[in-house]
Amino acid sequence: MITRRHKKLIQHDLAHFPSVVLLGPRQVGKTTLARALASEDPDALYLDLENPTDAARFDNPGRYLDLHRSRLVIIDEVQRMPDLFGVLRGQIDARRRDGRRTGHFLLLGSASGALLRQSAQSLAGRVAYHELPGLDALETGPDLNRSWLRGGFPDSFTAASDDLSLRWRADFIRTYLERDLPQAGLRAPAVTLRRFWTMLAHRQTSIFNAAELARSLGISVPTVNRYADTLVDLMLLRRMQPYFVNVGKRLIKSPKLLVRDSGVVHALLNLRSLEELLGHPVAGASWEGFVIENLIGAAPRGTDAFFYRTRAGAEIDLLLLLPNLELWAVEVKRSSAPRVPRGFRIATADVGATRSFIVHPGTDEYPLGDDIVAISLPPLMQRLVRM
């Protein structure tokens, strides 16, 4: 079993907040992590609202929770019962009056947009949020190629073979298209949604062009934006905003849309092996997206992530604005002997980057001049985690 480093972060939040909302897409490991936390707390109570028996306990949620006022209550798929949040507010306040200040509820949900709205309205000042990404390069070990090919969903990464991993991801995509996206309010033909998702995989790390996608799909621009918004809400896409700085240059101001899990990218494109992936035109962009997601996941809380690009070609793949206001610039290269692009040097000077890195797939770390360091992904993640 792979130990999730997020476990200690959630325990820290439970020790300092009355409730914690754990966000993440389906099958990312939220339930496994919650059960691991419950196994270490003999008073913890785990409930899954997709289980009819557990859901029935909430016919009168206030009365039921009153019976367990001294316990940590873990509620899975909590977005299925939006009216519950008002009850939880009253429960938290009652427990506070009893002298218990923290660690009342751990709430798990897959639909991040709806869950954030529901919890923010009712639990303001009483909740901390924690996003659980897929398994990252620090959790999966030294075989970066396997992690890159299969992605971070635990069942995909730990499958007995690449073929079984791909089959799991294909089923995962089908479930979202046929069940989860319609449940999230996206009423559209599954074949159209698959084409949209696949087109984004082909355009991984590219600037989002809604008009171009709309023409290709034969739908309107507002419809394309609605598709994108829903997949972002479900934490399957990342909308990455450009970094604006007053440098007197023409900047790209449209966002990027990234398919967040590299394994899903490869399943959408039916890439079955590392050999097929390395021979495909998407390989470089897929590696870039994989590195970006890992670095954002390792960054300390309160970090903002951007990209930077001018119309003249100066570009930074990832800018991390850290809580201490340091600005780290990251260029991602698939070559194990990378060179510094001229546009990257110009861009780092434009934005006033504090630190600059070229991430490559090798293992060596060495200077490239102008305070730019070539480094592999795990050591750079370690630096972020230690902050």
Protein backbone atom coordinates (compact mmCIF):
# COMPACT_ATOMS: atom_id res chain seq x y z
CA MET A 1 0.00 0.00 0.00
CA ILE A 2 1.32 3.44 -0.95
CA THR A 3 1.51 5.90 1.94
CA ARG A 4 -0.06 9.23 1.04
CA ARG A 5 1.93 12.22 2.27
CA HIS A 6 -1.34 14.19 2.43
CA LYS A 7 -2.42 12.14 5.43
CA LYS A 8 -0.38 14.24 7.86
CA LEU A 9 -1.66 17.45 6.27
CA ILE A 10 -5.27 16.39 6.83
CA GLN A 11 -4.53 15.37 10.41
CA HIS A 12 -2.99 18.80 10.94
CA ASP A 13 -6.14 20.48 9.59
CA LEU A 14 -8.42 18.37 11.78
CA ALA A 15 -6.38 19.43 14.80
CA HIS A 16 -6.95 23.12 13.99
CA PHE A 17 -10.40 23.38 12.33
CA PRO A 18 -13.90 22.15 13.23
CA SER A 19 -14.40 20.62 9.79
CA VAL A 20 -12.25 19.71 6.80
CA VAL A 21 -13.48 19.27 3.23
CA LEU A 22 -11.40 16.82 1.21
CA LEU A 23 -11.79 17.45 -2.51
CA GLY A 24 -10.77 15.28 -5.45
CA PRO A 25 -12.11 13.43 -8.48
CA ARG A 26 -13.54 9.95 -8.18
CA GLN A 27 -11.11 7.10 -7.58
CA VAL A 28 -8.26 9.41 -6.55
CA GLY A 29 -8.02 7.75 -3.12
CA LYS A 30 -10.15 9.98 -0.86
CA THR A 31 -12.08 7.07 0.66
CA THR A 32 -8.96 4.97 1.19
CA LEU A 33 -7.25 7.87 2.93
CA ALA A 34 -10.31 8.63 5.07
CA ARG A 35 -10.59 5.01 6.15
CA ALA A 36 -6.90 5.00 7.04
CA LEU A 37 -7.49 8.05 9.24
CA ALA A 38 -10.54 6.38 10.80
CA SER A 39 -8.55 3.23 11.56
CA GLU A 40 -6.20 5.29 13.73
CA ASP A 41 -9.04 6.93 15.67
CA PRO A 42 -11.19 4.41 17.59
CA ASP A 43 -13.95 7.01 17.97
CA ALA A 44 -14.18 7.93 14.28
CA LEU A 45 -17.41 7.17 12.43
CA TYR A 46 -17.32 6.64 8.65
CA LEU A 47 -20.49 7.11 6.55
CA ASP A 48 -20.92 6.92 2.77
CA LEU A 49 -23.94 8.72 1.33
CA GLU A 50 -23.82 6.50 -1.77
CA ASN A 51 -24.64 3.61 0.56
CA PRO A 52 -28.46 3.51 1.05
CA THR A 53 -28.08 2.27 4.62
CA ASP A 54 -25.79 5.14 5.59
CA ALA A 55 -27.93 7.67 3.71
CA ALA A 56 -31.01 6.48 5.60
CA ARG A 57 -29.35 7.45 8.88
CA PHE A 58 -29.72 11.07 7.79
CA ASP A 59 -33.51 11.06 7.55
CA ASN A 60 -33.19 13.15 10.71
CA PRO A 61 -29.52 14.21 10.54
CA GLY A 62 -29.56 16.49 13.59
CA ARG A 63 -30.89 13.76 15.87
CA TYR A 64 -28.50 11.16 14.45
CA LEU A 65 -25.44 13.40 14.80
CA ASP A 66 -26.47 14.33 18.35
CA LEU A 67 -25.88 10.66 19.23
CA HIS A 68 -22.25 10.97 18.04
CA ARG A 69 -21.38 14.43 19.30
CA SER A 70 -18.05 13.32 20.79
CA ARG A 71 -16.80 11.57 17.63
CA LEU A 72 -15.02 12.54 14.42
CA VAL A 73 -17.68 11.93 11.76
CA ILE A 74 -16.41 11.20 8.25
CA ILE A 75 -19.05 11.71 5.54
CA ASP A 76 -18.24 10.49 2.02
CA GLU A 77 -19.93 11.88 -1.13
CA VAL A 78 -21.37 14.67 0.99
CA GLN A 79 -22.37 16.71 -2.07
CA ARG A 80 -25.25 14.26 -2.54
CA MET A 81 -27.06 15.86 0.42
CA PRO A 82 -26.63 19.65 0.09
CA ASP A 83 -29.18 20.40 2.82
CA LEU A 84 -26.87 18.67 5.30
CA PHE A 85 -24.46 21.60 5.46
CA GLY A 86 -26.84 23.78 7.44
CA VAL A 87 -27.25 20.96 9.95
CA LEU A 88 -23.49 20.57 10.23
CA ARG A 89 -23.17 24.26 11.07
CA GLY A 90 -25.50 23.82 14.02
CA GLN A 91 -23.67 20.68 15.09
CA ILE A 92 -20.30 22.45 15.02
CA ASP A 93 -21.64 25.34 17.09
CA ALA A 94 -23.17 22.94 19.63
CA ARG A 95 -19.92 21.03 19.97
CA ARG A 96 -18.05 24.27 20.45
CA ARG A 97 -20.37 25.15 23.31
CA ASP A 98 -19.48 21.77 24.80
CA GLY A 99 -15.84 22.88 24.75
CA ARG A 100 -14.68 20.91 21.71
CA ARG A 101 -13.17 23.31 19.20
CA THR A 102 -11.73 21.15 16.39
CA GLY A 103 -11.92 17.82 14.58
CA HIS A 104 -15.71 17.46 14.26
CA PHE A 105 -16.24 16.50 10.60
CA LEU A 106 -14.21 15.26 7.64
CA LEU A 107 -16.30 15.75 4.50
CA LEU A 108 -15.38 14.03 1.22
CA GLY A 109 -16.67 15.05 -2.19
CA SER A 110 -16.02 14.64 -5.89
CA ALA A 111 -17.86 17.64 -7.34
CA SER A 112 -15.58 20.40 -6.18
CA GLY A 113 -17.48 23.39 -7.57
CA ALA A 114 -20.82 22.44 -6.04
CA LEU A 115 -19.21 21.30 -2.81
CA LEU A 116 -17.25 24.52 -2.42
CA ARG A 117 -20.39 26.60 -2.92
CA GLN A 118 -22.47 24.52 -0.53
CA SER A 119 -19.87 24.45 2.22
CA ALA A 120 -18.86 28.10 1.83
CA GLN A 121 -22.43 29.28 2.33
CA SER A 122 -23.07 27.26 5.49
CA LEU A 123 -19.67 26.62 7.07
CA ALA A 124 -17.90 29.96 6.61
CA GLY A 125 -15.24 30.30 9.28
CA ARG A 126 -15.71 26.68 10.31
CA VAL A 127 -14.00 24.77 7.50
CA ALA A 128 -10.61 24.13 5.90
CA TYR A 129 -10.24 22.80 2.36
CA HIS A 130 -7.75 20.19 1.21
CA GLU A 131 -7.35 19.00 -2.36
CA LEU A 132 -6.18 15.41 -2.84
CA PRO A 133 -4.43 14.98 -6.20
CA GLY A 134 -3.43 11.68 -7.71
CA LEU A 135 -0.33 9.82 -6.62
CA ASP A 136 2.68 12.01 -7.30
CA ALA A 137 6.30 11.32 -8.16
CA LEU A 138 7.34 11.39 -4.48
CA GLU A 139 4.74 8.76 -3.59
CA THR A 140 5.21 6.40 -6.53
CA GLY A 141 8.98 6.00 -6.33
CA PRO A 142 11.84 6.40 -8.79
CA ASP A 143 10.15 4.99 -11.93
CA LEU A 144 8.95 8.29 -13.39
CA ASN A 145 8.11 6.74 -16.75
CA ARG A 146 5.56 4.39 -15.19
CA SER A 147 4.00 7.24 -13.23
CA TRP A 148 3.91 9.42 -16.34
CA LEU A 149 2.41 6.72 -18.57
CA ARG A 150 -0.23 5.46 -16.14
CA GLY A 151 -1.03 8.68 -14.28
CA GLY A 152 -1.81 9.18 -10.62
CA PHE A 153 -5.05 7.31 -10.02
CA PRO A 154 -4.04 4.55 -7.57
CA ASP A 155 -5.82 1.67 -9.34
CA SER A 156 -4.28 2.71 -12.65
CA PHE A 157 -0.76 3.07 -11.29
CA THR A 158 -0.80 -0.21 -9.32
CA ALA A 159 -2.39 -2.34 -12.07
CA ALA A 160 -0.57 -5.59 -12.85
CA SER A 161 0.25 -4.50 -16.42
CA ASP A 162 0.11 -1.52 -18.74
CA ASP A 163 -2.81 -3.14 -20.58
CA LEU A 164 -4.83 -3.53 -17.38
CA SER A 165 -3.97 0.02 -16.38
CA LEU A 166 -5.22 1.33 -19.73
CA ARG A 167 -8.40 -0.74 -19.39
CA TRP A 168 -9.03 0.78 -15.94
CA ARG A 169 -8.58 4.30 -17.31
CA ALA A 170 -10.86 3.59 -20.28
CA ASP A 171 -13.58 2.43 -17.88
CA PHE A 172 -12.96 5.52 -15.72
CA ILE A 173 -13.48 7.81 -18.72
CA ARG A 174 -16.60 5.91 -19.79
CA THR A 175 -18.11 6.22 -16.29
CA TYR A 176 -17.58 9.97 -16.27
CA LEU A 177 -19.07 10.35 -19.73
CA GLU A 178 -22.12 8.20 -19.06
CA ARG A 179 -22.83 8.95 -15.39
CA ASP A 180 -20.83 11.65 -13.61
CA LEU A 181 -20.95 14.40 -16.22
CA PRO A 182 -24.76 14.07 -16.66
CA GLN A 183 -25.14 14.05 -12.86
CA ALA A 184 -23.13 17.28 -12.79
CA GLY A 185 -25.70 18.86 -15.12
CA LEU A 186 -23.85 18.43 -18.41
CA ARG A 187 -26.60 17.11 -20.68
CA ALA A 188 -24.80 16.38 -23.92
CA PRO A 189 -24.15 13.32 -26.10
CA ALA A 190 -21.37 11.20 -24.64
CA VAL A 191 -19.70 10.99 -28.05
CA THR A 192 -19.48 14.81 -28.24
CA LEU A 193 -18.06 15.06 -24.73
CA ARG A 194 -15.48 12.38 -25.54
CA ARG A 195 -14.43 14.24 -28.68
CA PHE A 196 -14.07 17.46 -26.66
CA TRP A 197 -11.99 15.74 -23.96
CA THR A 198 -9.84 14.00 -26.60
CA MET A 199 -9.25 17.25 -28.48
CA LEU A 200 -7.99 18.82 -25.24
CA ALA A 201 -5.65 15.85 -24.78
CA HIS A 202 -4.25 16.44 -28.28
CA ARG A 203 -3.80 20.11 -27.34
CA GLN A 204 -2.32 19.45 -23.90
CA THR A 205 -0.63 22.58 -22.43
CA SER A 206 -1.80 24.70 -25.42
CA ILE A 207 -3.62 28.01 -25.16
CA PHE A 208 -7.37 27.41 -24.85
CA ASN A 209 -9.19 28.50 -28.00
CA ALA A 210 -12.93 28.03 -27.45
CA ALA A 211 -13.84 29.28 -30.92
CA GLU A 212 -11.57 26.76 -32.64
CA LEU A 213 -12.95 23.89 -30.57
CA ALA A 214 -16.52 25.04 -31.20
CA ARG A 215 -15.95 24.99 -34.98
CA SER A 216 -14.40 21.52 -34.84
CA LEU A 217 -17.24 20.11 -32.74
CA GLY A 218 -20.07 21.94 -34.49
CA ILE A 219 -21.31 23.56 -31.27
CA SER A 220 -21.39 27.08 -29.88
CA VAL A 221 -18.61 28.84 -27.97
CA PRO A 222 -20.77 29.12 -24.80
CA THR A 223 -21.34 25.35 -24.98
CA VAL A 224 -17.58 24.72 -25.21
CA ASN A 225 -17.03 26.98 -22.21
CA ARG A 226 -19.74 25.11 -20.28
CA TYR A 227 -18.06 21.78 -21.04
CA ALA A 228 -14.73 23.18 -19.86
CA ASP A 229 -16.20 24.71 -16.70
CA THR A 230 -17.79 21.40 -15.70
CA LEU A 231 -14.58 19.40 -16.21
CA VAL A 232 -12.66 22.02 -14.24
CA ASP A 233 -15.26 21.79 -11.43
CA LEU A 234 -14.83 18.00 -11.38
CA MET A 235 -11.06 18.47 -11.11
CA LEU A 236 -10.38 16.68 -14.38
CA LEU A 237 -9.06 19.81 -16.11
CA ARG A 238 -6.88 22.63 -14.80
CA ARG A 239 -7.48 26.14 -16.06
CA MET A 240 -4.11 27.85 -15.85
CA GLN A 241 -4.12 31.62 -16.00
CA PRO A 242 -1.40 33.79 -17.58
CA TYR A 243 0.83 35.88 -15.35
CA PHE A 244 0.37 39.57 -15.98
CA VAL A 245 3.21 41.97 -15.39
CA ASN A 246 3.64 45.49 -16.68
CA VAL A 247 6.64 44.97 -18.94
CA GLY A 248 5.48 46.98 -21.93
CA LYS A 249 5.12 43.84 -24.05
CA ARG A 250 2.17 42.19 -25.76
CA LEU A 251 1.18 39.28 -23.54
CA ILE A 252 -0.91 36.19 -24.22
CA LYS A 253 -3.97 36.71 -22.04
CA SER A 254 -5.98 33.56 -22.72
CA PRO A 255 -5.70 30.67 -20.23
CA LYS A 256 -4.36 27.19 -20.84
CA LEU A 257 -6.49 24.11 -20.23
CA LEU A 258 -4.61 21.02 -19.05
CA VAL A 259 -5.98 17.51 -18.65
CA ARG A 260 -4.79 17.04 -15.09
CA ASP A 261 -3.92 13.34 -15.14
CA SER A 262 -1.31 12.19 -17.66
CA GLY A 263 -2.74 8.67 -17.67
CA VAL A 264 -6.12 10.02 -18.76
CA VAL A 265 -4.39 11.94 -21.57
CA HIS A 266 -2.83 8.72 -22.80
CA ALA A 267 -6.05 6.72 -22.47
CA LEU A 268 -7.98 9.32 -24.48
CA LEU A 269 -5.31 8.99 -27.19
CA ASN A 270 -5.17 5.17 -26.84
CA LEU A 271 -1.44 5.12 -26.07
CA ARG A 272 -0.83 1.66 -24.63
CA SER A 273 2.87 1.68 -23.78
CA LEU A 274 5.82 3.93 -23.08
CA GLU A 275 7.14 3.13 -26.55
CA GLU A 276 3.90 4.32 -28.18
CA LEU A 277 3.88 7.43 -25.98
CA LEU A 278 7.46 8.40 -26.80
CA GLY A 279 6.72 8.08 -30.52
CA HIS A 280 3.58 10.22 -30.38
CA PRO A 281 3.55 13.99 -31.11
CA VAL A 282 1.90 14.66 -27.72
CA ALA A 283 4.86 13.23 -25.75
CA GLY A 284 6.54 16.56 -25.01
CA ALA A 285 3.31 18.32 -24.03
CA SER A 286 2.20 15.34 -21.95
CA TRP A 287 5.50 15.33 -20.05
CA GLU A 288 5.15 19.07 -19.49
CA GLY A 289 1.65 18.64 -18.07
CA PHE A 290 2.83 15.77 -15.85
CA VAL A 291 5.64 17.89 -14.40
CA ILE A 292 3.38 20.90 -13.90
CA GLU A 293 0.76 18.90 -11.98
CA ASN A 294 3.39 17.30 -9.76
CA LEU A 295 5.01 20.62 -8.92
CA ILE A 296 1.71 22.35 -8.17
CA GLY A 297 0.72 19.43 -5.94
CA ALA A 298 4.02 19.64 -4.03
CA ALA A 299 3.94 23.41 -3.59
CA PRO A 300 3.03 24.80 -0.14
CA ARG A 301 -0.51 25.92 0.53
CA GLY A 302 -1.23 29.40 -0.66
CA THR A 303 0.91 29.03 -3.80
CA ASP A 304 -0.50 30.45 -7.02
CA ALA A 305 0.41 28.87 -10.37
CA PHE A 306 0.61 30.68 -13.71
CA PHE A 307 2.28 30.54 -17.11
CA TYR A 308 3.86 33.46 -18.96
CA ARG A 309 4.02 34.07 -22.69
CA THR A 310 4.53 37.09 -24.92
CA ARG A 311 3.54 37.33 -28.55
CA ALA A 312 7.24 37.70 -29.35
CA GLY A 313 7.93 34.20 -28.01
CA ALA A 314 9.26 34.75 -24.48
CA GLU A 315 7.74 31.97 -22.40
CA ILE A 316 7.74 30.29 -18.98
CA ASP A 317 5.90 26.95 -18.69
CA LEU A 318 5.15 27.35 -14.98
CA LEU A 319 5.42 30.26 -12.57
CA LEU A 320 4.93 29.50 -8.89
CA LEU A 321 4.15 32.50 -6.70
CA LEU A 322 4.97 31.08 -3.28
CA PRO A 323 3.46 32.25 0.03
CA ASN A 324 6.77 33.96 0.92
CA LEU A 325 6.34 35.92 -2.36
CA GLU A 326 9.26 34.20 -4.08
CA LEU A 327 8.56 33.66 -7.77
CA TRP A 328 9.92 30.39 -9.19
CA ALA A 329 10.15 30.01 -12.97
CA VAL A 330 10.12 26.50 -14.41
CA GLU A 331 10.81 25.36 -17.97
CA VAL A 332 10.04 21.71 -18.76
CA LYS A 333 12.14 19.72 -21.23
CA ARG A 334 11.93 16.09 -22.26
CA SER A 335 15.63 16.04 -23.20
CA SER A 336 18.04 14.72 -20.56
CA ALA A 337 20.61 17.29 -21.77
CA PRO A 338 18.46 20.43 -21.94
CA ARG A 339 19.50 23.82 -23.19
CA VAL A 340 18.04 27.08 -21.97
CA PRO A 341 15.77 28.64 -24.60
CA ARG A 342 16.45 32.29 -25.29
CA GLY A 343 12.77 33.02 -24.68
CA PHE A 344 13.02 31.58 -21.19
CA ARG A 345 15.94 33.82 -20.29
CA ILE A 346 14.05 36.86 -21.56
CA ALA A 347 10.88 35.85 -19.74
CA THR A 348 12.57 35.29 -16.38
CA ALA A 349 14.05 38.77 -16.62
CA ASP A 350 10.63 40.17 -17.58
CA VAL A 351 8.90 38.81 -14.49
CA GLY A 352 11.82 39.18 -12.06
CA ALA A 353 11.94 35.47 -11.16
CA THR A 354 13.58 34.67 -7.82
CA ARG A 355 14.66 31.17 -8.86
CA SER A 356 14.78 29.56 -12.30
CA PHE A 357 14.81 25.84 -13.15
CA ILE A 358 14.87 23.57 -16.19
CA VAL A 359 13.20 20.26 -15.28
CA HIS A 360 14.49 17.29 -17.27
CA PRO A 361 13.91 13.49 -17.10
CA GLY A 362 17.47 12.66 -16.04
CA THR A 363 18.89 12.48 -12.51
CA ASP A 364 21.65 15.11 -12.52
CA GLU A 365 21.49 18.61 -11.10
CA TYR A 366 23.80 21.27 -12.54
CA PRO A 367 23.94 25.01 -13.29
CA LEU A 368 23.14 26.32 -16.75
CA GLY A 369 24.26 29.91 -16.22
CA ASP A 370 22.35 33.07 -15.29
CA ASP A 371 21.30 31.37 -12.03
CA ILE A 372 19.31 28.74 -13.93
CA VAL A 373 19.53 25.19 -12.57
CA ALA A 374 18.87 21.96 -14.48
CA ILE A 375 17.15 19.53 -12.12
CA SER A 376 15.00 16.40 -12.19
CA LEU A 377 11.41 16.43 -10.98
CA PRO A 378 11.61 14.67 -7.56
CA PRO A 379 14.36 16.89 -6.06
CA LEU A 380 12.52 20.03 -7.11
CA MET A 381 9.33 18.65 -5.55
CA GLN A 382 11.26 17.94 -2.34
CA ARG A 383 12.37 21.56 -2.18
CA LEU A 384 8.75 22.67 -2.41
CA VAL A 385 7.48 20.16 0.13
CA ARG A 386 10.09 21.30 2.68
CA MET A 387 8.97 24.93 2.46
